[in-house]
Amino acid sequence: MKKPYKKNIFIIALTFLFFSYLFSHWDCFKEGLGI
């Protein structure tokens, strides 16, 4: 049995981790872009 919803949960978790990382390193991120 395949469970496609598991893949969606994985993608959502990755997105959440990415955004939480982005917000926690926002100052460094802006400096890297030169803003």
N, C-alpha and C. Protein backbone atom coordinates (compact mmCIF):
# COMPACT_ATOMS: atom_id res chain seq x y z
N MET A 1 0.84 -1.21 0.00
CA MET A 1 0.00 0.00 0.00
C MET A 1 0.87 1.25 0.00
N LYS A 2 0.57 2.14 -0.91
CA LYS A 2 1.30 3.40 -0.96
C LYS A 2 0.53 4.46 -0.17
N LYS A 3 1.27 5.30 0.50
CA LYS A 3 0.65 6.35 1.30
C LYS A 3 1.17 7.71 0.83
N PRO A 4 0.49 8.33 -0.12
CA PRO A 4 0.98 9.61 -0.66
C PRO A 4 0.97 10.75 0.35
N TYR A 5 0.11 10.64 1.37
CA TYR A 5 0.04 11.72 2.35
C TYR A 5 1.32 11.80 3.17
N LYS A 6 2.04 10.67 3.28
CA LYS A 6 3.31 10.69 4.01
C LYS A 6 4.31 11.60 3.30
N LYS A 7 4.29 11.56 1.97
CA LYS A 7 5.21 12.39 1.20
C LYS A 7 4.86 13.87 1.40
N ASN A 8 3.56 14.18 1.44
CA ASN A 8 3.14 15.56 1.65
C ASN A 8 3.60 16.07 3.01
N ILE A 9 3.48 15.23 4.03
CA ILE A 9 3.92 15.60 5.38
C ILE A 9 5.42 15.86 5.38
N PHE A 10 6.17 15.05 4.64
CA PHE A 10 7.63 15.22 4.55
C PHE A 10 7.97 16.56 3.90
N ILE A 11 7.27 16.89 2.81
CA ILE A 11 7.50 18.16 2.11
C ILE A 11 7.14 19.34 3.00
N ILE A 12 6.03 19.23 3.72
CA ILE A 12 5.61 20.30 4.63
C ILE A 12 6.65 20.48 5.75
N ALA A 13 7.16 19.37 6.26
CA ALA A 13 8.17 19.44 7.32
C ALA A 13 9.44 20.11 6.80
N LEU A 14 9.85 19.76 5.58
CA LEU A 14 11.04 20.38 4.99
C LEU A 14 10.83 21.88 4.81
N THR A 15 9.65 22.26 4.32
CA THR A 15 9.35 23.68 4.13
C THR A 15 9.37 24.42 5.46
N PHE A 16 8.79 23.81 6.49
CA PHE A 16 8.76 24.42 7.81
C PHE A 16 10.18 24.61 8.36
N LEU A 17 11.02 23.58 8.20
CA LEU A 17 12.40 23.67 8.66
C LEU A 17 13.15 24.75 7.91
N PHE A 18 12.91 24.84 6.59
CA PHE A 18 13.58 25.84 5.77
C PHE A 18 13.22 27.25 6.23
N PHE A 19 11.92 27.48 6.46
CA PHE A 19 11.48 28.82 6.86
C PHE A 19 11.93 29.14 8.28
N SER A 20 11.93 28.17 9.18
CA SER A 20 12.39 28.43 10.54
C SER A 20 13.89 28.75 10.54
N TYR A 21 14.64 28.07 9.66
CA TYR A 21 16.07 28.35 9.52
C TYR A 21 16.27 29.76 8.95
N LEU A 22 15.45 30.10 7.94
CA LEU A 22 15.55 31.40 7.29
C LEU A 22 15.28 32.52 8.30
N PHE A 23 14.24 32.37 9.12
CA PHE A 23 13.89 33.42 10.08
C PHE A 23 14.94 33.52 11.19
N SER A 24 15.51 32.40 11.60
CA SER A 24 16.49 32.44 12.68
C SER A 24 17.82 33.02 12.20
N HIS A 25 18.07 32.96 10.89
CA HIS A 25 19.32 33.50 10.33
C HIS A 25 19.03 34.67 9.39
N TRP A 26 17.94 35.40 9.68
CA TRP A 26 17.50 36.46 8.76
C TRP A 26 18.56 37.54 8.60
N ASP A 27 19.21 37.95 9.69
CA ASP A 27 20.22 39.01 9.62
C ASP A 27 21.39 38.58 8.75
N CYS A 28 21.87 37.36 8.95
CA CYS A 28 22.97 36.86 8.14
C CYS A 28 22.53 36.71 6.69
N PHE A 29 21.29 36.32 6.49
CA PHE A 29 20.75 36.14 5.14
C PHE A 29 20.72 37.47 4.41
N LYS A 30 20.27 38.54 5.10
CA LYS A 30 20.20 39.86 4.48
C LYS A 30 21.60 40.38 4.18
N GLU A 31 22.55 40.15 5.08
CA GLU A 31 23.92 40.59 4.85
C GLU A 31 24.52 39.87 3.65
N GLY A 32 24.17 38.60 3.50
CA GLY A 32 24.66 37.82 2.37
C GLY A 32 24.14 38.36 1.05
N LEU A 33 22.89 38.87 1.07
CA LEU A 33 22.31 39.44 -0.15
C LEU A 33 22.77 40.87 -0.38
N GLY A 34 23.33 41.48 0.66
CA GLY A 34 23.80 42.85 0.53
C GLY A 34 22.68 43.87 0.69
N ILE A 35 21.65 43.51 1.45
CA ILE A 35 20.53 44.43 1.67
C ILE A 35 20.83 45.31 2.89
